Amino acid sequence: MSQLVLIRHGESQWNLENRFTGWVDVSLSPKGEQEAREAGKKLASFRFDCAFTSVLKRAKDTLRLVLEVLGQTNLPIQEHQALNERMYGDLQGLNKTETVRKFGEEQVKIWRRSFDVRPPGGESLKDTAERVVPYFEKQIRPTLQGNKTVLIVAHGNSLRALVMHLENLSKEQVLELNIPTGAPLLYELDAAGGASAHRYI
């Protein structure tokens, strides 16, 4: 049985400020750093074979802090922008509450939660899935062969796209999916690579 652990990065400074972040490379907040360390403590019984992360520092720093707590700082790590957060285009940097006032709650909800509607200049969740899933299948899934244990630290929407793929969720089901910051999500994969069980640790 192979094991795959997913972690959404700890709270970022713009999460704290209620801003759309997307591909803007913001740092973890102090709370986010603590969330990363707590995630490491929850994973104390795990020995990872390798790890994957996006190229954005809030994910890379979360991974670094997790591995420091685990004493696994020599772990092979692959960084790739395919795992980056959804690109929010013209919304990046805007306060979410102010954006609702400007465009209306219904429009902002469509931009944030629909599967295939893009915000102005940005990506839909469908667009995000179209880079996350091929990268997972080509680069990550092969590393899970032979009962390996693999860690992915990424972002709310890139992980939503991956969970949708792993669990065969419909585009309606994924709209209700929210992945909390700093909470390790474990998938057990059978010999065929199917997700036979999953739970938060």
N, C-alpha and C. Protein backbone atom coordinates (compact mmCIF):
# COMPACT_ATOMS: atom_id res chain seq x y z
N MET A 1 0.85 -1.20 0.00
CA MET A 1 0.00 0.00 0.00
C MET A 1 0.89 1.26 0.00
N SER A 2 0.76 2.07 -1.01
CA SER A 2 1.48 3.33 -1.06
C SER A 2 0.70 4.41 -0.31
N GLN A 3 1.42 5.41 0.17
CA GLN A 3 0.79 6.49 0.92
C GLN A 3 1.15 7.84 0.29
N LEU A 4 0.14 8.67 0.14
CA LEU A 4 0.32 10.01 -0.40
C LEU A 4 -0.26 11.00 0.60
N VAL A 5 0.57 11.94 1.04
CA VAL A 5 0.12 12.96 1.99
C VAL A 5 0.11 14.32 1.29
N LEU A 6 -1.02 14.99 1.36
CA LEU A 6 -1.19 16.32 0.79
C LEU A 6 -1.28 17.35 1.92
N ILE A 7 -0.57 18.46 1.77
CA ILE A 7 -0.68 19.56 2.74
C ILE A 7 -0.84 20.86 1.98
N ARG A 8 -1.90 21.59 2.29
CA ARG A 8 -2.01 22.97 1.84
C ARG A 8 -1.10 23.81 2.73
N HIS A 9 -0.32 24.69 2.12
CA HIS A 9 0.61 25.54 2.89
C HIS A 9 -0.08 26.20 4.07
N GLY A 10 0.70 26.57 5.07
CA GLY A 10 0.17 27.31 6.20
C GLY A 10 -0.35 28.68 5.78
N GLU A 11 -1.06 29.32 6.68
CA GLU A 11 -1.63 30.65 6.39
C GLU A 11 -0.55 31.59 5.86
N SER A 12 -0.84 32.25 4.73
CA SER A 12 0.08 33.24 4.19
C SER A 12 -0.29 34.63 4.69
N GLN A 13 0.62 35.58 4.44
CA GLN A 13 0.34 36.95 4.87
C GLN A 13 -0.91 37.50 4.19
N TRP A 14 -1.14 37.12 2.93
CA TRP A 14 -2.33 37.61 2.23
C TRP A 14 -3.57 36.82 2.60
N ASN A 15 -3.43 35.55 3.03
CA ASN A 15 -4.58 34.88 3.63
C ASN A 15 -5.04 35.69 4.85
N LEU A 16 -4.07 36.09 5.65
CA LEU A 16 -4.35 36.87 6.86
C LEU A 16 -5.04 38.18 6.52
N GLU A 17 -4.61 38.81 5.42
CA GLU A 17 -5.15 40.11 5.01
C GLU A 17 -6.40 39.97 4.12
N ASN A 18 -6.85 38.72 3.92
CA ASN A 18 -8.07 38.44 3.14
C ASN A 18 -7.95 38.92 1.69
N ARG A 19 -6.75 38.70 1.10
CA ARG A 19 -6.52 39.10 -0.29
C ARG A 19 -6.47 37.87 -1.20
N PHE A 20 -6.86 38.06 -2.46
CA PHE A 20 -6.63 37.04 -3.48
C PHE A 20 -5.13 36.98 -3.75
N THR A 21 -4.56 35.78 -3.67
CA THR A 21 -3.10 35.65 -3.77
C THR A 21 -2.67 35.09 -5.12
N GLY A 22 -3.18 33.92 -5.48
CA GLY A 22 -2.81 33.34 -6.77
C GLY A 22 -1.32 33.10 -6.90
N TRP A 23 -0.71 33.65 -7.96
CA TRP A 23 0.71 33.42 -8.21
C TRP A 23 1.62 34.47 -7.57
N VAL A 24 1.05 35.42 -6.84
CA VAL A 24 1.89 36.39 -6.14
C VAL A 24 2.66 35.66 -5.05
N ASP A 25 3.96 35.90 -4.96
CA ASP A 25 4.83 35.07 -4.11
C ASP A 25 4.96 35.66 -2.71
N VAL A 26 3.90 35.52 -1.93
CA VAL A 26 3.89 36.08 -0.57
C VAL A 26 4.40 35.06 0.45
N SER A 27 4.81 35.55 1.59
CA SER A 27 5.38 34.71 2.65
C SER A 27 4.30 34.16 3.57
N LEU A 28 4.68 33.17 4.35
CA LEU A 28 3.82 32.68 5.42
C LEU A 28 3.67 33.73 6.50
N SER A 29 2.52 33.77 7.14
CA SER A 29 2.34 34.57 8.35
C SER A 29 2.96 33.80 9.52
N PRO A 30 3.16 34.44 10.67
CA PRO A 30 3.63 33.69 11.84
C PRO A 30 2.73 32.50 12.18
N LYS A 31 1.41 32.70 12.05
CA LYS A 31 0.48 31.59 12.27
C LYS A 31 0.72 30.48 11.26
N GLY A 32 0.99 30.84 10.00
CA GLY A 32 1.25 29.85 8.97
C GLY A 32 2.50 29.04 9.25
N GLU A 33 3.54 29.70 9.78
CA GLU A 33 4.76 28.98 10.15
C GLU A 33 4.46 27.98 11.26
N GLN A 34 3.63 28.38 12.22
CA GLN A 34 3.27 27.48 13.30
C GLN A 34 2.42 26.32 12.79
N GLU A 35 1.50 26.61 11.85
CA GLU A 35 0.70 25.54 11.26
C GLU A 35 1.59 24.50 10.57
N ALA A 36 2.64 24.96 9.90
CA ALA A 36 3.56 24.04 9.24
C ALA A 36 4.27 23.16 10.26
N ARG A 37 4.72 23.76 11.36
CA ARG A 37 5.39 22.96 12.39
C ARG A 37 4.43 21.96 13.03
N GLU A 38 3.19 22.37 13.23
CA GLU A 38 2.20 21.45 13.79
C GLU A 38 1.93 20.29 12.83
N ALA A 39 1.91 20.58 11.54
CA ALA A 39 1.73 19.52 10.55
C ALA A 39 2.87 18.52 10.64
N GLY A 40 4.08 19.03 10.82
CA GLY A 40 5.23 18.15 10.98
C GLY A 40 5.08 17.23 12.18
N LYS A 41 4.58 17.77 13.28
CA LYS A 41 4.38 16.95 14.48
C LYS A 41 3.35 15.86 14.24
N LYS A 42 2.29 16.19 13.49
CA LYS A 42 1.26 15.19 13.19
C LYS A 42 1.80 14.05 12.33
N LEU A 43 2.87 14.33 11.59
CA LEU A 43 3.44 13.34 10.67
C LEU A 43 4.66 12.62 11.26
N ALA A 44 4.80 12.69 12.58
CA ALA A 44 6.00 12.16 13.24
C ALA A 44 6.26 10.69 12.93
N SER A 45 5.21 9.92 12.65
CA SER A 45 5.39 8.48 12.41
C SER A 45 5.70 8.16 10.94
N PHE A 46 5.75 9.18 10.09
CA PHE A 46 5.95 8.95 8.65
C PHE A 46 7.42 9.13 8.26
N ARG A 47 7.88 8.25 7.37
CA ARG A 47 9.19 8.41 6.73
C ARG A 47 8.93 8.54 5.23
N PHE A 48 9.16 9.72 4.72
CA PHE A 48 8.86 9.98 3.32
C PHE A 48 10.01 9.57 2.41
N ASP A 49 9.66 9.16 1.21
CA ASP A 49 10.67 8.80 0.20
C ASP A 49 11.04 9.99 -0.67
N CYS A 50 10.09 10.90 -0.89
CA CYS A 50 10.37 12.11 -1.65
C CYS A 50 9.22 13.09 -1.44
N ALA A 51 9.43 14.33 -1.89
CA ALA A 51 8.42 15.37 -1.73
C ALA A 51 8.34 16.22 -2.99
N PHE A 52 7.16 16.79 -3.20
CA PHE A 52 6.91 17.68 -4.32
C PHE A 52 6.27 18.96 -3.79
N THR A 53 6.59 20.09 -4.43
CA THR A 53 6.01 21.35 -4.03
C THR A 53 5.94 22.28 -5.23
N SER A 54 5.19 23.37 -5.07
CA SER A 54 5.15 24.39 -6.11
C SER A 54 6.42 25.23 -6.04
N VAL A 55 6.51 26.24 -6.90
CA VAL A 55 7.69 27.12 -6.89
C VAL A 55 7.45 28.35 -6.02
N LEU A 56 6.30 28.43 -5.37
CA LEU A 56 5.95 29.59 -4.55
C LEU A 56 6.42 29.39 -3.11
N LYS A 57 6.98 30.45 -2.52
CA LYS A 57 7.69 30.28 -1.25
C LYS A 57 6.78 29.90 -0.09
N ARG A 58 5.50 30.23 -0.13
CA ARG A 58 4.64 29.83 0.98
C ARG A 58 4.50 28.31 1.05
N ALA A 59 4.52 27.65 -0.11
CA ALA A 59 4.51 26.18 -0.13
C ALA A 59 5.88 25.62 0.20
N LYS A 60 6.93 26.19 -0.40
CA LYS A 60 8.30 25.70 -0.15
C LYS A 60 8.69 25.87 1.31
N ASP A 61 8.30 27.00 1.91
CA ASP A 61 8.63 27.22 3.33
C ASP A 61 7.84 26.29 4.24
N THR A 62 6.59 26.00 3.88
CA THR A 62 5.82 25.03 4.65
C THR A 62 6.50 23.67 4.61
N LEU A 63 6.90 23.24 3.41
CA LEU A 63 7.60 21.96 3.28
C LEU A 63 8.89 21.96 4.09
N ARG A 64 9.66 23.03 4.02
CA ARG A 64 10.92 23.10 4.77
C ARG A 64 10.67 22.95 6.27
N LEU A 65 9.67 23.65 6.79
CA LEU A 65 9.39 23.58 8.22
C LEU A 65 8.90 22.20 8.64
N VAL A 66 8.05 21.58 7.81
CA VAL A 66 7.59 20.22 8.09
C VAL A 66 8.76 19.26 8.17
N LEU A 67 9.67 19.34 7.21
CA LEU A 67 10.80 18.41 7.17
C LEU A 67 11.81 18.68 8.29
N GLU A 68 11.92 19.94 8.70
CA GLU A 68 12.79 20.25 9.86
C GLU A 68 12.26 19.57 11.11
N VAL A 69 10.95 19.65 11.33
CA VAL A 69 10.34 19.01 12.49
C VAL A 69 10.54 17.50 12.42
N LEU A 70 10.43 16.93 11.22
CA LEU A 70 10.57 15.48 11.04
C LEU A 70 12.01 15.01 11.04
N GLY A 71 12.96 15.94 10.93
CA GLY A 71 14.36 15.54 10.83
C GLY A 71 14.65 14.85 9.50
N GLN A 72 13.93 15.24 8.44
CA GLN A 72 14.10 14.63 7.11
C GLN A 72 14.52 15.69 6.09
N THR A 73 15.46 16.54 6.47
CA THR A 73 15.83 17.68 5.62
C THR A 73 16.64 17.26 4.39
N ASN A 74 17.10 16.02 4.32
CA ASN A 74 17.82 15.57 3.14
C ASN A 74 16.92 14.89 2.12
N LEU A 75 15.62 14.98 2.31
CA LEU A 75 14.66 14.33 1.43
C LEU A 75 14.76 14.90 0.01
N PRO A 76 14.73 14.05 -1.03
CA PRO A 76 14.67 14.56 -2.40
C PRO A 76 13.39 15.36 -2.62
N ILE A 77 13.54 16.57 -3.18
CA ILE A 77 12.39 17.47 -3.39
C ILE A 77 12.37 17.91 -4.85
N GLN A 78 11.18 17.88 -5.44
CA GLN A 78 10.98 18.43 -6.78
C GLN A 78 10.01 19.59 -6.70
N GLU A 79 10.42 20.73 -7.27
CA GLU A 79 9.57 21.92 -7.34
C GLU A 79 9.09 22.09 -8.77
N HIS A 80 7.81 22.44 -8.94
CA HIS A 80 7.30 22.67 -10.29
C HIS A 80 6.10 23.61 -10.25
N GLN A 81 6.05 24.52 -11.23
CA GLN A 81 4.94 25.49 -11.25
C GLN A 81 3.60 24.85 -11.59
N ALA A 82 3.62 23.60 -12.07
CA ALA A 82 2.35 22.90 -12.30
C ALA A 82 1.54 22.78 -11.02
N LEU A 83 2.23 22.80 -9.86
CA LEU A 83 1.55 22.69 -8.57
C LEU A 83 1.22 24.05 -7.96
N ASN A 84 1.51 25.13 -8.69
CA ASN A 84 1.19 26.47 -8.19
C ASN A 84 -0.30 26.64 -7.94
N GLU A 85 -0.60 27.63 -7.11
CA GLU A 85 -1.99 28.01 -6.88
C GLU A 85 -2.64 28.42 -8.21
N ARG A 86 -3.94 28.37 -8.24
CA ARG A 86 -4.69 28.92 -9.36
C ARG A 86 -4.31 30.39 -9.55
N MET A 87 -4.12 30.80 -10.79
CA MET A 87 -3.76 32.19 -11.09
C MET A 87 -5.04 33.02 -11.14
N TYR A 88 -5.13 33.99 -10.23
CA TYR A 88 -6.38 34.75 -10.09
C TYR A 88 -6.44 36.00 -10.96
N GLY A 89 -5.45 36.22 -11.80
CA GLY A 89 -5.51 37.31 -12.77
C GLY A 89 -5.69 38.68 -12.14
N ASP A 90 -6.69 39.41 -12.65
CA ASP A 90 -6.91 40.79 -12.20
C ASP A 90 -7.34 40.89 -10.73
N LEU A 91 -7.75 39.76 -10.14
CA LEU A 91 -8.17 39.79 -8.74
C LEU A 91 -6.99 39.71 -7.78
N GLN A 92 -5.82 39.32 -8.26
CA GLN A 92 -4.67 39.14 -7.37
C GLN A 92 -4.33 40.44 -6.65
N GLY A 93 -4.20 40.34 -5.33
CA GLY A 93 -3.88 41.49 -4.51
C GLY A 93 -5.10 42.22 -3.97
N LEU A 94 -6.28 41.96 -4.54
CA LEU A 94 -7.49 42.65 -4.10
C LEU A 94 -8.03 42.02 -2.81
N ASN A 95 -8.57 42.87 -1.95
CA ASN A 95 -9.23 42.38 -0.75
C ASN A 95 -10.54 41.71 -1.14
N LYS A 96 -10.79 40.53 -0.59
CA LYS A 96 -11.96 39.75 -1.01
C LYS A 96 -13.27 40.45 -0.65
N THR A 97 -13.33 41.10 0.49
CA THR A 97 -14.55 41.80 0.90
C THR A 97 -14.81 42.99 -0.01
N GLU A 98 -13.75 43.74 -0.35
CA GLU A 98 -13.90 44.88 -1.25
C GLU A 98 -14.30 44.42 -2.65
N THR A 99 -13.79 43.27 -3.07
CA THR A 99 -14.12 42.74 -4.39
C THR A 99 -15.61 42.38 -4.45
N VAL A 100 -16.15 41.84 -3.35
CA VAL A 100 -17.59 41.55 -3.30
C VAL A 100 -18.39 42.84 -3.41
N ARG A 101 -17.95 43.89 -2.74
CA ARG A 101 -18.66 45.18 -2.82
C ARG A 101 -18.64 45.72 -4.25
N LYS A 102 -17.53 45.51 -4.95
CA LYS A 102 -17.36 46.07 -6.29
C LYS A 102 -18.13 45.29 -7.35
N PHE A 103 -18.07 43.95 -7.28
CA PHE A 103 -18.62 43.12 -8.35
C PHE A 103 -19.90 42.37 -7.95
N GLY A 104 -20.18 42.34 -6.65
CA GLY A 104 -21.35 41.62 -6.17
C GLY A 104 -20.99 40.22 -5.69
N GLU A 105 -21.69 39.78 -4.66
CA GLU A 105 -21.38 38.49 -4.02
C GLU A 105 -21.53 37.32 -4.99
N GLU A 106 -22.57 37.37 -5.81
CA GLU A 106 -22.85 36.25 -6.71
C GLU A 106 -21.73 36.10 -7.75
N GLN A 107 -21.28 37.22 -8.32
CA GLN A 107 -20.21 37.15 -9.34
C GLN A 107 -18.91 36.64 -8.73
N VAL A 108 -18.56 37.13 -7.55
CA VAL A 108 -17.31 36.71 -6.91
C VAL A 108 -17.38 35.23 -6.55
N LYS A 109 -18.55 34.78 -6.10
CA LYS A 109 -18.70 33.35 -5.79
C LYS A 109 -18.50 32.50 -7.04
N ILE A 110 -19.03 32.95 -8.18
CA ILE A 110 -18.85 32.22 -9.43
C ILE A 110 -17.36 32.15 -9.78
N TRP A 111 -16.66 33.28 -9.67
CA TRP A 111 -15.22 33.28 -9.97
C TRP A 111 -14.45 32.35 -9.05
N ARG A 112 -14.82 32.33 -7.78
CA ARG A 112 -14.06 31.56 -6.80
C ARG A 112 -14.42 30.08 -6.81
N ARG A 113 -15.70 29.75 -7.03
CA ARG A 113 -16.16 28.40 -6.77
C ARG A 113 -16.61 27.60 -7.99
N SER A 114 -16.88 28.26 -9.11
CA SER A 114 -17.30 27.49 -10.27
C SER A 114 -16.12 26.69 -10.81
N PHE A 115 -16.40 25.67 -11.57
CA PHE A 115 -15.35 24.80 -12.09
C PHE A 115 -14.67 25.37 -13.32
N ASP A 116 -15.44 26.00 -14.20
CA ASP A 116 -14.86 26.36 -15.50
C ASP A 116 -15.05 27.82 -15.90
N VAL A 117 -15.38 28.69 -14.93
CA VAL A 117 -15.47 30.13 -15.22
C VAL A 117 -14.20 30.81 -14.71
N ARG A 118 -13.52 31.52 -15.59
CA ARG A 118 -12.27 32.20 -15.22
C ARG A 118 -12.56 33.58 -14.64
N PRO A 119 -11.82 33.99 -13.59
CA PRO A 119 -11.85 35.40 -13.23
C PRO A 119 -11.13 36.20 -14.32
N PRO A 120 -11.33 37.51 -14.40
CA PRO A 120 -10.70 38.29 -15.46
C PRO A 120 -9.18 38.10 -15.49
N GLY A 121 -8.66 37.62 -16.62
CA GLY A 121 -7.22 37.44 -16.77
C GLY A 121 -6.63 36.26 -16.03
N GLY A 122 -7.48 35.40 -15.45
CA GLY A 122 -6.97 34.32 -14.60
C GLY A 122 -7.36 32.93 -15.08
N GLU A 123 -7.19 31.96 -14.19
CA GLU A 123 -7.48 30.57 -14.46
C GLU A 123 -8.74 30.11 -13.74
N SER A 124 -9.48 29.23 -14.36
CA SER A 124 -10.55 28.51 -13.68
C SER A 124 -9.95 27.29 -12.97
N LEU A 125 -10.75 26.64 -12.15
CA LEU A 125 -10.28 25.40 -11.53
C LEU A 125 -10.00 24.35 -12.60
N LYS A 126 -10.79 24.36 -13.66
CA LYS A 126 -10.57 23.44 -14.79
C LYS A 126 -9.19 23.67 -15.41
N ASP A 127 -8.83 24.95 -15.61
CA ASP A 127 -7.50 25.27 -16.14
C ASP A 127 -6.40 24.75 -15.21
N THR A 128 -6.62 24.94 -13.91
CA THR A 128 -5.64 24.49 -12.92
C THR A 128 -5.48 22.98 -12.98
N ALA A 129 -6.60 22.27 -13.07
CA ALA A 129 -6.56 20.81 -13.15
C ALA A 129 -5.81 20.33 -14.40
N GLU A 130 -5.91 21.11 -15.47
CA GLU A 130 -5.28 20.70 -16.72
C GLU A 130 -3.76 20.79 -16.69
N ARG A 131 -3.20 21.42 -15.65
CA ARG A 131 -1.74 21.36 -15.46
C ARG A 131 -1.35 20.47 -14.28
N VAL A 132 -2.22 20.44 -13.24
CA VAL A 132 -1.90 19.63 -12.06
C VAL A 132 -1.98 18.13 -12.36
N VAL A 133 -3.06 17.70 -12.99
CA VAL A 133 -3.30 16.27 -13.17
C VAL A 133 -2.25 15.62 -14.08
N PRO A 134 -1.91 16.19 -15.24
CA PRO A 134 -0.86 15.57 -16.05
C PRO A 134 0.49 15.50 -15.33
N TYR A 135 0.82 16.55 -14.55
CA TYR A 135 2.07 16.51 -13.79
C TYR A 135 2.04 15.39 -12.76
N PHE A 136 0.90 15.24 -12.07
CA PHE A 136 0.77 14.16 -11.10
C PHE A 136 0.95 12.80 -11.77
N GLU A 137 0.27 12.60 -12.88
CA GLU A 137 0.31 11.29 -13.54
C GLU A 137 1.70 10.98 -14.10
N LYS A 138 2.38 11.98 -14.62
CA LYS A 138 3.68 11.75 -15.26
C LYS A 138 4.84 11.73 -14.26
N GLN A 139 4.81 12.64 -13.28
CA GLN A 139 5.97 12.82 -12.41
C GLN A 139 5.79 12.27 -10.99
N ILE A 140 4.58 12.31 -10.46
CA ILE A 140 4.38 11.93 -9.05
C ILE A 140 3.92 10.49 -8.91
N ARG A 141 2.94 10.10 -9.69
CA ARG A 141 2.43 8.73 -9.55
C ARG A 141 3.52 7.67 -9.68
N PRO A 142 4.47 7.80 -10.63
CA PRO A 142 5.52 6.77 -10.72
C PRO A 142 6.35 6.63 -9.45
N THR A 143 6.50 7.72 -8.68
CA THR A 143 7.29 7.65 -7.45
C THR A 143 6.56 6.90 -6.33
N LEU A 144 5.26 6.66 -6.51
CA LEU A 144 4.47 5.95 -5.51
C LEU A 144 4.54 4.44 -5.69
N GLN A 145 5.13 3.98 -6.79
CA GLN A 145 5.21 2.54 -7.04
C GLN A 145 6.04 1.85 -5.95
N GLY A 146 5.63 0.66 -5.57
CA GLY A 146 6.41 -0.12 -4.60
C GLY A 146 6.25 0.32 -3.17
N ASN A 147 5.01 0.65 -2.79
CA ASN A 147 4.71 0.98 -1.39
C ASN A 147 5.50 2.18 -0.86
N LYS A 148 5.68 3.18 -1.70
CA LYS A 148 6.41 4.38 -1.29
C LYS A 148 5.47 5.35 -0.57
N THR A 149 6.09 6.29 0.16
CA THR A 149 5.34 7.32 0.89
C THR A 149 5.81 8.68 0.38
N VAL A 150 4.88 9.46 -0.18
CA VAL A 150 5.21 10.69 -0.89
C VAL A 150 4.42 11.85 -0.29
N LEU A 151 5.08 13.00 -0.20
CA LEU A 151 4.48 14.21 0.36
C LEU A 151 4.35 15.27 -0.74
N ILE A 152 3.18 15.90 -0.83
CA ILE A 152 2.97 17.03 -1.71
C ILE A 152 2.53 18.22 -0.87
N VAL A 153 3.25 19.33 -0.98
CA VAL A 153 2.85 20.57 -0.32
C VAL A 153 2.53 21.58 -1.42
N ALA A 154 1.28 22.02 -1.45
CA ALA A 154 0.87 22.91 -2.53
C ALA A 154 -0.18 23.90 -2.01
N HIS A 155 -1.25 24.11 -2.76
CA HIS A 155 -2.17 25.23 -2.51
C HIS A 155 -3.62 24.76 -2.53
N GLY A 156 -4.50 25.63 -2.05
CA GLY A 156 -5.90 25.26 -1.94
C GLY A 156 -6.50 24.75 -3.23
N ASN A 157 -6.27 25.47 -4.34
CA ASN A 157 -6.92 25.08 -5.59
C ASN A 157 -6.15 24.01 -6.36
N SER A 158 -4.82 24.04 -6.31
CA SER A 158 -4.10 22.96 -6.99
C SER A 158 -4.37 21.62 -6.29
N LEU A 159 -4.52 21.64 -4.97
CA LEU A 159 -4.86 20.40 -4.26
C LEU A 159 -6.32 20.02 -4.47
N ARG A 160 -7.22 21.00 -4.58
CA ARG A 160 -8.62 20.67 -4.90
C ARG A 160 -8.69 19.95 -6.25
N ALA A 161 -7.92 20.43 -7.21
CA ALA A 161 -7.89 19.80 -8.53
C ALA A 161 -7.37 18.37 -8.43
N LEU A 162 -6.35 18.16 -7.59
CA LEU A 162 -5.79 16.82 -7.44
C LEU A 162 -6.75 15.89 -6.70
N VAL A 163 -7.38 16.38 -5.64
CA VAL A 163 -8.35 15.58 -4.90
C VAL A 163 -9.53 15.21 -5.80
N MET A 164 -9.97 16.14 -6.62
CA MET A 164 -11.04 15.85 -7.57
C MET A 164 -10.66 14.66 -8.45
N HIS A 165 -9.41 14.63 -8.90
CA HIS A 165 -8.90 13.54 -9.74
C HIS A 165 -8.81 12.24 -8.96
N LEU A 166 -8.25 12.29 -7.76
CA LEU A 166 -8.05 11.08 -6.96
C LEU A 166 -9.37 10.44 -6.55
N GLU A 167 -10.36 11.28 -6.25
CA GLU A 167 -11.63 10.77 -5.74
C GLU A 167 -12.74 10.71 -6.80
N ASN A 168 -12.38 11.07 -8.03
CA ASN A 168 -13.37 11.09 -9.12
C ASN A 168 -14.59 11.94 -8.76
N LEU A 169 -14.34 13.12 -8.21
CA LEU A 169 -15.44 14.02 -7.86
C LEU A 169 -16.01 14.67 -9.11
N SER A 170 -17.29 14.95 -9.09
CA SER A 170 -17.91 15.71 -10.17
C SER A 170 -17.59 17.19 -9.99
N LYS A 171 -17.84 17.97 -11.05
CA LYS A 171 -17.56 19.40 -10.93
C LYS A 171 -18.51 20.06 -9.95
N GLU A 172 -19.67 19.45 -9.69
CA GLU A 172 -20.58 19.97 -8.66
C GLU A 172 -20.04 19.65 -7.26
N GLN A 173 -19.53 18.43 -7.09
CA GLN A 173 -19.00 18.04 -5.78
C GLN A 173 -17.77 18.86 -5.39
N VAL A 174 -16.91 19.16 -6.35
CA VAL A 174 -15.66 19.86 -6.02
C VAL A 174 -15.93 21.30 -5.58
N LEU A 175 -17.08 21.84 -5.96
CA LEU A 175 -17.40 23.21 -5.55
C LEU A 175 -17.51 23.33 -4.04
N GLU A 176 -17.92 22.25 -3.37
CA GLU A 176 -18.08 22.26 -1.91
C GLU A 176 -16.81 21.86 -1.17
N LEU A 177 -15.78 21.50 -1.93
CA LEU A 177 -14.54 21.02 -1.31
C LEU A 177 -13.66 22.17 -0.87
N ASN A 178 -13.29 22.18 0.39
CA ASN A 178 -12.37 23.18 0.91
C ASN A 178 -11.27 22.46 1.69
N ILE A 179 -10.02 22.76 1.38
CA ILE A 179 -8.90 22.11 2.05
C ILE A 179 -8.27 23.12 3.02
N PRO A 180 -8.28 22.84 4.32
CA PRO A 180 -7.76 23.80 5.28
C PRO A 180 -6.24 23.91 5.24
N THR A 181 -5.72 25.05 5.68
CA THR A 181 -4.27 25.25 5.70
C THR A 181 -3.63 24.37 6.77
N GLY A 182 -2.47 23.81 6.41
CA GLY A 182 -1.64 23.10 7.37
C GLY A 182 -2.20 21.80 7.91
N ALA A 183 -3.18 21.20 7.23
CA ALA A 183 -3.82 19.97 7.73
C ALA A 183 -3.43 18.80 6.82
N PRO A 184 -2.57 17.88 7.28
CA PRO A 184 -2.16 16.77 6.41
C PRO A 184 -3.32 15.84 6.06
N LEU A 185 -3.47 15.58 4.77
CA LEU A 185 -4.52 14.71 4.24
C LEU A 185 -3.85 13.47 3.64
N LEU A 186 -4.14 12.31 4.22
CA LEU A 186 -3.50 11.06 3.83
C LEU A 186 -4.39 10.26 2.89
N TYR A 187 -3.79 9.82 1.77
CA TYR A 187 -4.43 8.88 0.86
C TYR A 187 -3.65 7.58 0.86
N GLU A 188 -4.37 6.48 0.97
CA GLU A 188 -3.75 5.16 0.79
C GLU A 188 -4.12 4.68 -0.61
N LEU A 189 -3.11 4.30 -1.38
CA LEU A 189 -3.31 3.92 -2.77
C LEU A 189 -3.08 2.43 -2.93
N ASP A 190 -4.02 1.77 -3.62
CA ASP A 190 -3.88 0.33 -3.83
C ASP A 190 -2.90 0.05 -4.97
N ALA A 191 -2.70 -1.22 -5.27
CA ALA A 191 -1.70 -1.62 -6.26
C ALA A 191 -1.99 -1.03 -7.64
N ALA A 192 -3.26 -0.79 -7.92
CA ALA A 192 -3.64 -0.21 -9.21
C ALA A 192 -3.54 1.31 -9.21
N GLY A 193 -3.18 1.89 -8.07
CA GLY A 193 -3.03 3.33 -7.97
C GLY A 193 -4.29 4.06 -7.57
N GLY A 194 -5.36 3.31 -7.26
CA GLY A 194 -6.61 3.94 -6.84
C GLY A 194 -6.56 4.35 -5.38
N ALA A 195 -7.25 5.43 -5.05
CA ALA A 195 -7.30 5.91 -3.66
C ALA A 195 -8.32 5.09 -2.89
N SER A 196 -7.84 4.13 -2.11
CA SER A 196 -8.75 3.21 -1.41
C SER A 196 -9.28 3.77 -0.11
N ALA A 197 -8.56 4.74 0.47
CA ALA A 197 -9.00 5.36 1.72
C ALA A 197 -8.30 6.70 1.87
N HIS A 198 -8.97 7.64 2.58
CA HIS A 198 -8.31 8.92 2.86
C HIS A 198 -8.86 9.49 4.16
N ARG A 199 -8.01 10.28 4.83
CA ARG A 199 -8.41 10.89 6.10
C ARG A 199 -7.43 11.99 6.45
N TYR A 200 -7.91 12.96 7.22
CA TYR A 200 -7.01 13.96 7.78
C TYR A 200 -6.28 13.37 8.98
N ILE A 201 -5.04 13.71 9.12
CA ILE A 201 -4.22 13.20 10.21
C ILE A 201 -4.27 14.18 11.37
